[in-house]
């Protein structure tokens, strides 16, 4: 792997961990460093950091809070 690419991966701990867990990406980036942007998008999807995944997580948390508020109101009555 090229030293510049490895230095970049060291600054992005999430990408380094993703590559270590998925050796096929290590082979790809060693052969062709331009696939780094593809690795970033795959890692975002893997770690649930895409916008739709974050929105879904937020929605689920909001529903949980609403349910807890309803339960608290029911116990109050």
PDB file of N, CA and C in Angstrom:
ATOM      1  N   UNK A   1       0.851  -1.175   0.000  1.00  0.00           N
ATOM      2  CA  UNK A   1       0.000   0.000   0.000  1.00  0.00           C
ATOM      3  C   UNK A   1       0.895   1.236   0.000  1.00  0.00           C
ATOM      4  N   UNK A   2       0.471   2.228  -0.728  1.00  0.00           N
ATOM      5  CA  UNK A   2       1.263   3.448  -0.813  1.00  0.00           C
ATOM      6  C   UNK A   2       1.273   4.170   0.536  1.00  0.00           C
ATOM      7  N   UNK A   3       2.410   4.750   0.905  1.00  0.00           N
ATOM      8  CA  UNK A   3       2.513   5.403   2.222  1.00  0.00           C
ATOM      9  C   UNK A   3       1.494   6.529   2.424  1.00  0.00           C
ATOM     10  N   UNK A   4       1.218   7.293   1.393  1.00  0.00           N
ATOM     11  CA  UNK A   4       0.242   8.378   1.513  1.00  0.00           C
ATOM     12  C   UNK A   4      -1.158   7.867   1.810  1.00  0.00           C
ATOM     13  N   UNK A   5      -1.513   6.769   1.165  1.00  0.00           N
ATOM     14  CA  UNK A   5      -2.832   6.174   1.386  1.00  0.00           C
ATOM     15  C   UNK A   5      -2.920   5.641   2.812  1.00  0.00           C
ATOM     16  N   UNK A   6      -1.877   4.986   3.264  1.00  0.00           N
ATOM     17  CA  UNK A   6      -1.891   4.441   4.623  1.00  0.00           C
ATOM     18  C   UNK A   6      -1.939   5.562   5.666  1.00  0.00           C
ATOM     19  N   UNK A   7      -1.232   6.645   5.421  1.00  0.00           N
ATOM     20  CA  UNK A   7      -1.276   7.782   6.346  1.00  0.00           C
ATOM     21  C   UNK A   7      -2.690   8.359   6.421  1.00  0.00           C
ATOM     22  N   UNK A   8      -3.356   8.438   5.276  1.00  0.00           N
ATOM     23  CA  UNK A   8      -4.738   8.918   5.263  1.00  0.00           C
ATOM     24  C   UNK A   8      -5.638   7.981   6.063  1.00  0.00           C
ATOM     25  N   UNK A   9      -5.447   6.668   5.886  1.00  0.00           N
ATOM     26  CA  UNK A   9      -6.259   5.697   6.611  1.00  0.00           C
ATOM     27  C   UNK A   9      -5.991   5.752   8.110  1.00  0.00           C
ATOM     28  N   UNK A  10      -4.765   6.069   8.486  1.00  0.00           N
ATOM     29  CA  UNK A  10      -4.464   6.193   9.907  1.00  0.00           C
ATOM     30  C   UNK A  10      -5.209   7.367  10.535  1.00  0.00           C
ATOM     31  N   UNK A  11      -5.463   8.404   9.748  1.00  0.00           N
ATOM     32  CA  UNK A  11      -6.212   9.542  10.287  1.00  0.00           C
ATOM     33  C   UNK A  11      -7.702   9.236  10.378  1.00  0.00           C
ATOM     34  N   UNK A  12      -8.155   8.268   9.604  1.00  0.00           N
ATOM     35  CA  UNK A  12      -9.563   7.853   9.622  1.00  0.00           C
ATOM     36  C   UNK A  12      -9.651   6.458  10.231  1.00  0.00           C
ATOM     37  N   UNK A  13      -9.756   6.395  11.527  1.00  0.00           N
ATOM     38  CA  UNK A  13      -9.755   5.119  12.235  1.00  0.00           C
ATOM     39  C   UNK A  13     -10.903   4.208  11.800  1.00  0.00           C
ATOM     40  N   UNK A  14     -12.055   4.805  11.480  1.00  0.00           N
ATOM     41  CA  UNK A  14     -13.190   3.987  11.049  1.00  0.00           C
ATOM     42  C   UNK A  14     -12.898   3.281   9.723  1.00  0.00           C
ATOM     43  N   UNK A  15     -12.233   3.981   8.799  1.00  0.00           N
ATOM     44  CA  UNK A  15     -11.897   3.348   7.517  1.00  0.00           C
ATOM     45  C   UNK A  15     -10.849   2.260   7.701  1.00  0.00           C
ATOM     46  N   UNK A  16      -9.878   2.508   8.554  1.00  0.00           N
ATOM     47  CA  UNK A  16      -8.836   1.515   8.797  1.00  0.00           C
ATOM     48  C   UNK A  16      -9.435   0.249   9.398  1.00  0.00           C
ATOM     49  N   UNK A  17     -10.341   0.418  10.328  1.00  0.00           N
ATOM     50  CA  UNK A  17     -11.013  -0.734  10.940  1.00  0.00           C
ATOM     51  C   UNK A  17     -11.874  -1.469   9.905  1.00  0.00           C
ATOM     52  N   UNK A  18     -12.569  -0.702   9.067  1.00  0.00           N
ATOM     53  CA  UNK A  18     -13.403  -1.306   8.031  1.00  0.00           C
ATOM     54  C   UNK A  18     -12.563  -2.133   7.070  1.00  0.00           C
ATOM     55  N   UNK A  19     -11.422  -1.593   6.666  1.00  0.00           N
ATOM     56  CA  UNK A  19     -10.549  -2.315   5.734  1.00  0.00           C
ATOM     57  C   UNK A  19      -9.991  -3.573   6.383  1.00  0.00           C
ATOM     58  N   UNK A  20      -9.670  -3.493   7.650  1.00  0.00           N
ATOM     59  CA  UNK A  20      -9.149  -4.679   8.342  1.00  0.00           C
ATOM     60  C   UNK A  20     -10.205  -5.762   8.481  1.00  0.00           C
ATOM     61  N   UNK A  21     -11.461  -5.353   8.586  1.00  0.00           N
ATOM     62  CA  UNK A  21     -12.544  -6.324   8.704  1.00  0.00           C
ATOM     63  C   UNK A  21     -12.976  -6.866   7.348  1.00  0.00           C
ATOM     64  N   UNK A  22     -12.627  -6.159   6.277  1.00  0.00           N
ATOM     65  CA  UNK A  22     -12.994  -6.562   4.921  1.00  0.00           C
ATOM     66  C   UNK A  22     -11.748  -6.586   4.041  1.00  0.00           C
ATOM     67  N   UNK A  23     -11.014  -7.685   4.054  1.00  0.00           N
ATOM     68  CA  UNK A  23      -9.736  -7.758   3.336  1.00  0.00           C
ATOM     69  C   UNK A  23      -9.820  -7.507   1.833  1.00  0.00           C
ATOM     70  N   UNK A  24     -10.985  -7.721   1.246  1.00  0.00           N
ATOM     71  CA  UNK A  24     -11.084  -7.485  -0.199  1.00  0.00           C
ATOM     72  C   UNK A  24     -10.799  -6.017  -0.514  1.00  0.00           C
ATOM     73  N   UNK A  25     -11.204  -5.113   0.376  1.00  0.00           N
ATOM     74  CA  UNK A  25     -10.931  -3.690   0.159  1.00  0.00           C
ATOM     75  C   UNK A  25      -9.447  -3.378   0.330  1.00  0.00           C
ATOM     76  N   UNK A  26      -8.793  -4.089   1.214  1.00  0.00           N
ATOM     77  CA  UNK A  26      -7.346  -3.894   1.374  1.00  0.00           C
ATOM     78  C   UNK A  26      -6.623  -4.233   0.074  1.00  0.00           C
ATOM     79  N   UNK A  27      -7.023  -5.345  -0.528  1.00  0.00           N
ATOM     80  CA  UNK A  27      -6.412  -5.738  -1.799  1.00  0.00           C
ATOM     81  C   UNK A  27      -6.704  -4.718  -2.890  1.00  0.00           C
ATOM     82  N   UNK A  28      -7.955  -4.225  -2.925  1.00  0.00           N
ATOM     83  CA  UNK A  28      -8.322  -3.261  -3.965  1.00  0.00           C
ATOM     84  C   UNK A  28      -7.564  -1.947  -3.821  1.00  0.00           C
ATOM     85  N   UNK A  29      -7.468  -1.438  -2.593  1.00  0.00           N
ATOM     86  CA  UNK A  29      -6.799  -0.150  -2.409  1.00  0.00           C
ATOM     87  C   UNK A  29      -5.291  -0.279  -2.592  1.00  0.00           C
ATOM     88  N   UNK A  30      -4.742  -1.461  -2.347  1.00  0.00           N
ATOM     89  CA  UNK A  30      -3.318  -1.676  -2.586  1.00  0.00           C
ATOM     90  C   UNK A  30      -3.032  -1.628  -4.081  1.00  0.00           C
ATOM     91  N   UNK A  31      -3.920  -2.219  -4.866  1.00  0.00           N
ATOM     92  CA  UNK A  31      -3.724  -2.249  -6.318  1.00  0.00           C
ATOM     93  C   UNK A  31      -4.104  -0.933  -6.990  1.00  0.00           C
ATOM     94  N   UNK A  32      -5.131  -0.275  -6.452  1.00  0.00           N
ATOM     95  CA  UNK A  32      -5.656   0.932  -7.091  1.00  0.00           C
ATOM     96  C   UNK A  32      -6.111   1.924  -6.018  1.00  0.00           C
ATOM     97  N   UNK A  33      -5.262   2.868  -5.633  1.00  0.00           N
ATOM     98  CA  UNK A  33      -5.611   3.808  -4.560  1.00  0.00           C
ATOM     99  C   UNK A  33      -6.808   4.710  -4.880  1.00  0.00           C
ATOM    100  N   UNK A  34      -7.232   4.783  -6.117  1.00  0.00           N
ATOM    101  CA  UNK A  34      -8.357   5.648  -6.457  1.00  0.00           C
ATOM    102  C   UNK A  34      -9.701   5.092  -5.973  1.00  0.00           C
ATOM    103  N   UNK A  35      -9.733   3.856  -5.486  1.00  0.00           N
ATOM    104  CA  UNK A  35     -10.984   3.286  -4.978  1.00  0.00           C
ATOM    105  C   UNK A  35     -11.265   3.740  -3.544  1.00  0.00           C
ATOM    106  N   UNK A  36     -10.451   4.618  -3.028  1.00  0.00           N
ATOM    107  CA  UNK A  36     -10.612   5.095  -1.662  1.00  0.00           C
ATOM    108  C   UNK A  36     -11.985   5.742  -1.435  1.00  0.00           C
ATOM    109  N   UNK A  37     -12.495   6.443  -2.437  1.00  0.00           N
ATOM    110  CA  UNK A  37     -13.819   7.056  -2.300  1.00  0.00           C
ATOM    111  C   UNK A  37     -14.916   5.989  -2.219  1.00  0.00           C
ATOM    112  N   UNK A  38     -14.721   4.885  -2.939  1.00  0.00           N
ATOM    113  CA  UNK A  38     -15.688   3.774  -2.853  1.00  0.00           C
ATOM    114  C   UNK A  38     -15.654   3.152  -1.463  1.00  0.00           C
ATOM    115  N   UNK A  39     -14.463   3.042  -0.907  1.00  0.00           N
ATOM    116  CA  UNK A  39     -14.329   2.477   0.436  1.00  0.00           C
ATOM    117  C   UNK A  39     -15.043   3.366   1.450  1.00  0.00           C
ATOM    118  N   UNK A  40     -14.908   4.675   1.286  1.00  0.00           N
ATOM    119  CA  UNK A  40     -15.573   5.600   2.197  1.00  0.00           C
ATOM    120  C   UNK A  40     -17.087   5.437   2.155  1.00  0.00           C
ATOM    121  N   UNK A  41     -17.647   5.311   0.961  1.00  0.00           N
ATOM    122  CA  UNK A  41     -19.104   5.156   0.862  1.00  0.00           C
ATOM    123  C   UNK A  41     -19.556   3.804   1.412  1.00  0.00           C
ATOM    124  N   UNK A  42     -18.790   2.751   1.168  1.00  0.00           N
ATOM    125  CA  UNK A  42     -19.126   1.432   1.719  1.00  0.00           C
ATOM    126  C   UNK A  42     -19.036   1.436   3.247  1.00  0.00           C
ATOM    127  N   UNK A  43     -18.032   2.116   3.775  1.00  0.00           N
ATOM    128  CA  UNK A  43     -17.866   2.187   5.227  1.00  0.00           C
ATOM    129  C   UNK A  43     -19.017   2.971   5.858  1.00  0.00           C
ATOM    130  N   UNK A  44     -19.464   4.042   5.197  1.00  0.00           N
ATOM    131  CA  UNK A  44     -20.604   4.796   5.706  1.00  0.00           C
ATOM    132  C   UNK A  44     -21.836   3.908   5.799  1.00  0.00           C
ATOM    133  N   UNK A  45     -22.043   3.127   4.758  1.00  0.00           N
ATOM    134  CA  UNK A  45     -23.191   2.220   4.756  1.00  0.00           C
ATOM    135  C   UNK A  45     -23.039   1.151   5.844  1.00  0.00           C
ATOM    136  N   UNK A  46     -21.850   0.618   5.980  1.00  0.00           N
ATOM    137  CA  UNK A  46     -21.581  -0.434   6.962  1.00  0.00           C
ATOM    138  C   UNK A  46     -21.813   0.064   8.390  1.00  0.00           C
ATOM    139  N   UNK A  47     -21.355   1.277   8.683  1.00  0.00           N
ATOM    140  CA  UNK A  47     -21.477   1.827  10.023  1.00  0.00           C
ATOM    141  C   UNK A  47     -22.796   2.560  10.260  1.00  0.00           C
ATOM    142  N   UNK A  48     -23.662   2.607   9.256  1.00  0.00           N
ATOM    143  CA  UNK A  48     -24.966   3.234   9.418  1.00  0.00           C
ATOM    144  C   UNK A  48     -24.902   4.744   9.470  1.00  0.00           C
ATOM    145  N   UNK A  49     -24.002   5.329   8.719  1.00  0.00           N
ATOM    146  CA  UNK A  49     -23.828   6.775   8.743  1.00  0.00           C
ATOM    147  C   UNK A  49     -24.384   7.474   7.507  1.00  0.00           C
ATOM    148  N   UNK A  50     -25.143   6.746   6.694  1.00  0.00           N
ATOM    149  CA  UNK A  50     -25.758   7.400   5.545  1.00  0.00           C
ATOM    150  C   UNK A  50     -26.975   8.194   6.023  1.00  0.00           C
ATOM    151  N   UNK A  51     -27.392   9.149   5.247  1.00  0.00           N
ATOM    152  CA  UNK A  51     -28.507  10.003   5.649  1.00  0.00           C
ATOM    153  C   UNK A  51     -29.790   9.210   5.902  1.00  0.00           C
ATOM    154  N   UNK A  52     -30.197   8.294   5.029  1.00  0.00           N
ATOM    155  CA  UNK A  52     -31.419   7.525   5.322  1.00  0.00           C
ATOM    156  C   UNK A  52     -31.308   6.692   6.605  1.00  0.00           C
ATOM    157  N   UNK A  53     -30.132   6.135   6.848  1.00  0.00           N
ATOM    158  CA  UNK A  53     -29.958   5.339   8.061  1.00  0.00           C
ATOM    159  C   UNK A  53     -30.025   6.210   9.306  1.00  0.00           C
ATOM    160  N   UNK A  54     -29.456   7.405   9.233  1.00  0.00           N
ATOM    161  CA  UNK A  54     -29.524   8.320  10.377  1.00  0.00           C
ATOM    162  C   UNK A  54     -30.951   8.798  10.616  1.00  0.00           C
ATOM    163  N   UNK A  55     -31.676   9.063   9.549  1.00  0.00           N
ATOM    164  CA  UNK A  55     -33.066   9.491   9.689  1.00  0.00           C
ATOM    165  C   UNK A  55     -33.911   8.388  10.317  1.00  0.00           C
ATOM    166  N   UNK A  56     -33.676   7.159   9.896  1.00  0.00           N
ATOM    167  CA  UNK A  56     -34.421   6.033  10.460  1.00  0.00           C
ATOM    168  C   UNK A  56     -34.110   5.880  11.948  1.00  0.00           C
ATOM    169  N   UNK A  57     -32.864   6.024  12.308  1.00  0.00           N
ATOM    170  CA  UNK A  57     -32.473   5.926  13.718  1.00  0.00           C
ATOM    171  C   UNK A  57     -33.132   7.039  14.537  1.00  0.00           C
ATOM    172  N   UNK A  58     -33.123   8.253  13.999  1.00  0.00           N
ATOM    173  CA  UNK A  58     -33.762   9.380  14.675  1.00  0.00           C
ATOM    174  C   UNK A  58     -35.257   9.139  14.846  1.00  0.00           C
ATOM    175  N   UNK A  59     -35.907   8.642  13.805  1.00  0.00           N
ATOM    176  CA  UNK A  59     -37.339   8.367  13.859  1.00  0.00           C
ATOM    177  C   UNK A  59     -37.647   7.320  14.917  1.00  0.00           C
ATOM    178  N   UNK A  60     -36.837   6.283  14.969  1.00  0.00           N
ATOM    179  CA  UNK A  60     -37.034   5.242  15.984  1.00  0.00           C
ATOM    180  C   UNK A  60     -36.878   5.794  17.394  1.00  0.00           C
ATOM    181  N   UNK A  61     -35.894   6.656  17.593  1.00  0.00           N
ATOM    182  CA  UNK A  61     -35.693   7.253  18.907  1.00  0.00           C
ATOM    183  C   UNK A  61     -36.860   8.158  19.280  1.00  0.00           C
ATOM    184  N   UNK A  62     -37.366   8.907  18.307  1.00  0.00           N
ATOM    185  CA  UNK A  62     -38.500   9.782  18.553  1.00  0.00           C
ATOM    186  C   UNK A  62     -39.739   8.972  18.925  1.00  0.00           C
ATOM    187  N   UNK A  63     -39.960   7.870  18.246  1.00  0.00           N
ATOM    188  CA  UNK A  63     -41.099   7.013  18.571  1.00  0.00           C
ATOM    189  C   UNK A  63     -40.971   6.437  19.975  1.00  0.00           C
ATOM    190  N   UNK A  64     -39.751   6.108  20.380  1.00  0.00           N
ATOM    191  CA  UNK A  64     -39.525   5.578  21.721  1.00  0.00           C
ATOM    192  C   UNK A  64     -39.848   6.637  22.774  1.00  0.00           C
ATOM    193  N   UNK A  65     -39.443   7.863  22.540  1.00  0.00           N
ATOM    194  CA  UNK A  65     -39.730   8.949  23.481  1.00  0.00           C
ATOM    195  C   UNK A  65     -41.232   9.187  23.566  1.00  0.00           C
ATOM    196  N   UNK A  66     -41.911   9.175  22.427  1.00  0.00           N
ATOM    197  CA  UNK A  66     -43.353   9.367  22.427  1.00  0.00           C
ATOM    198  C   UNK A  66     -44.056   8.274  23.209  1.00  0.00           C
ATOM    199  N   UNK A  67     -43.591   7.048  23.055  1.00  0.00           N
ATOM    200  CA  UNK A  67     -44.183   5.934  23.782  1.00  0.00           C
ATOM    201  C   UNK A  67     -43.970   6.088  25.289  1.00  0.00           C
ATOM    202  N   UNK A  68     -42.775   6.514  25.678  1.00  0.00           N
ATOM    203  CA  UNK A  68     -42.501   6.706  27.098  1.00  0.00           C
ATOM    204  C   UNK A  68     -43.350   7.827  27.688  1.00  0.00           C
ATOM    205  N   UNK A  69     -43.562   8.887  26.929  1.00  0.00           N
ATOM    206  CA  UNK A  69     -44.410   9.987  27.392  1.00  0.00           C
ATOM    207  C   UNK A  69     -45.847   9.496  27.551  1.00  0.00           C
ATOM    208  N   UNK A  70     -46.329   8.710  26.607  1.00  0.00           N
ATOM    209  CA  UNK A  70     -47.686   8.174  26.702  1.00  0.00           C
ATOM    210  C   UNK A  70     -47.824   7.259  27.922  1.00  0.00           C
ATOM    211  N   UNK A  71     -46.816   6.450  28.182  1.00  0.00           N
ATOM    212  CA  UNK A  71     -46.856   5.567  29.352  1.00  0.00           C
ATOM    213  C   UNK A  71     -46.855   6.381  30.638  1.00  0.00           C
ATOM    214  N   UNK A  72     -46.064   7.436  30.674  1.00  0.00           N
ATOM    215  CA  UNK A  72     -46.018   8.277  31.864  1.00  0.00           C
ATOM    216  C   UNK A  72     -47.363   8.956  32.096  1.00  0.00           C
ATOM    217  N   UNK A  73     -48.005   9.407  31.033  1.00  0.00           N
ATOM    218  CA  UNK A  73     -49.317  10.045  31.167  1.00  0.00           C
ATOM    219  C   UNK A  73     -50.367   9.039  31.626  1.00  0.00           C
ATOM    220  N   UNK A  74     -50.277   7.795  31.126  1.00  0.00           N
ATOM    221  CA  UNK A  74     -51.242   6.768  31.507  1.00  0.00           C
ATOM    222  C   UNK A  74     -51.093   6.412  32.987  1.00  0.00           C
ATOM    223  N   UNK A  75     -49.878   6.403  33.479  1.00  0.00           N
ATOM    224  CA  UNK A  75     -49.640   6.078  34.887  1.00  0.00           C
ATOM    225  C   UNK A  75     -50.072   7.237  35.789  1.00  0.00           C
ATOM    226  N   UNK A  76     -50.021   8.442  35.266  1.00  0.00           N
ATOM    227  CA  UNK A  76     -50.409   9.625  36.023  1.00  0.00           C
ATOM    228  C   UNK A  76     -51.908   9.663  36.243  1.00  0.00           C
ATOM    229  N   UNK A  77     -52.670   9.212  35.250  1.00  0.00           N
ATOM    230  CA  UNK A  77     -54.140   9.254  35.316  1.00  0.00           C
ATOM    231  C   UNK A  77     -54.676   8.225  36.214  1.00  0.00           C
TER     232      UNK A  77
END
